[in-house]
Protein backbone atom coordinates (compact mmCIF):
# COMPACT_ATOMS: atom_id res chain seq x y z
CA UNK A 1 90.15 146.85 98.05
CA UNK A 2 92.18 143.32 97.82
CA UNK A 3 91.36 140.75 100.76
CA UNK A 4 93.55 137.94 101.66
CA UNK A 5 92.49 135.22 104.10
CA UNK A 6 95.19 132.41 105.25
CA UNK A 7 94.16 129.69 107.64
CA UNK A 8 96.49 129.19 110.95
CA UNK A 9 96.79 126.63 113.62
CA UNK A 10 93.93 126.38 115.73
CA UNK A 11 92.58 123.93 118.29
CA UNK A 12 90.58 121.20 117.64
CA UNK A 13 87.02 122.55 116.62
CA UNK A 14 88.06 126.04 115.44
CA UNK A 15 89.50 127.98 112.56
CA UNK A 16 91.82 130.73 113.00
CA UNK A 17 92.18 133.06 109.55
CA UNK A 18 94.83 135.76 109.33
CA UNK A 19 93.39 138.58 106.82
CA UNK A 20 95.00 141.12 105.07
CA UNK A 21 93.33 144.04 103.41
CA UNK A 22 95.28 145.75 100.67
CA UNK A 23 95.17 149.17 98.63
CA UNK A 24 92.55 150.61 101.40
CA UNK A 25 92.15 153.93 103.23
CA UNK A 26 90.70 152.57 106.14
CA UNK A 27 90.51 149.18 107.50
CA UNK A 28 87.11 147.16 106.47
CA UNK A 29 84.13 146.36 108.12
CA UNK A 30 83.90 142.65 107.42
CA UNK A 31 80.77 140.68 107.28
CA UNK A 32 80.63 137.13 108.08
CA UNK A 33 78.89 134.13 106.61
CA UNK A 34 78.78 130.45 107.53
CA UNK A 35 77.09 127.79 105.74
CA UNK A 36 74.93 130.66 104.35
CA UNK A 37 73.92 132.18 107.90
CA UNK A 38 75.52 135.52 109.27
CA UNK A 39 78.07 134.95 111.78
CA UNK A 40 79.78 136.78 114.41
CA UNK A 41 83.59 135.45 114.90
CA UNK A 42 85.35 135.92 118.22
CA UNK A 43 88.06 138.56 116.90
CA UNK A 44 91.47 137.96 118.32
CA UNK A 45 93.23 141.31 117.16
CA UNK A 46 91.52 144.11 115.47
CA UNK A 47 92.82 145.00 111.76
CA UNK A 48 95.71 147.57 112.04
CA UNK A 49 97.23 149.47 109.54
CA UNK A 50 100.59 148.14 108.41
CA UNK A 51 103.50 150.73 108.50
CA UNK A 52 106.66 151.35 106.90
CA UNK A 53 108.61 154.00 105.06
CA UNK A 54 106.96 152.73 101.63
CA UNK A 55 103.48 153.72 102.65
CA UNK A 56 104.83 157.19 103.28
CA UNK A 57 102.81 159.99 101.81
CA UNK A 58 100.17 157.33 100.29
CA UNK A 59 96.30 157.03 101.30
CA UNK A 60 96.34 153.17 100.74
CA UNK A 61 97.34 151.20 103.36
CA UNK A 62 97.36 147.50 103.93
CA UNK A 63 95.76 146.38 106.82
CA UNK A 64 96.47 142.85 108.83
């Protein structure tokens, strides 16, 4: 599985990140660390599968 993280515009003091998980059969369960300590970010939208005709019949998906 490949993971991609992209920073998004966010209010001062916050970090918004878009996550893409490619070549995965299921949405990954992510574990976050901040300065070496476990962190529990606020999820703005759960990972969902990207749908499209190019994915027909393939078990691998991209989640974003």
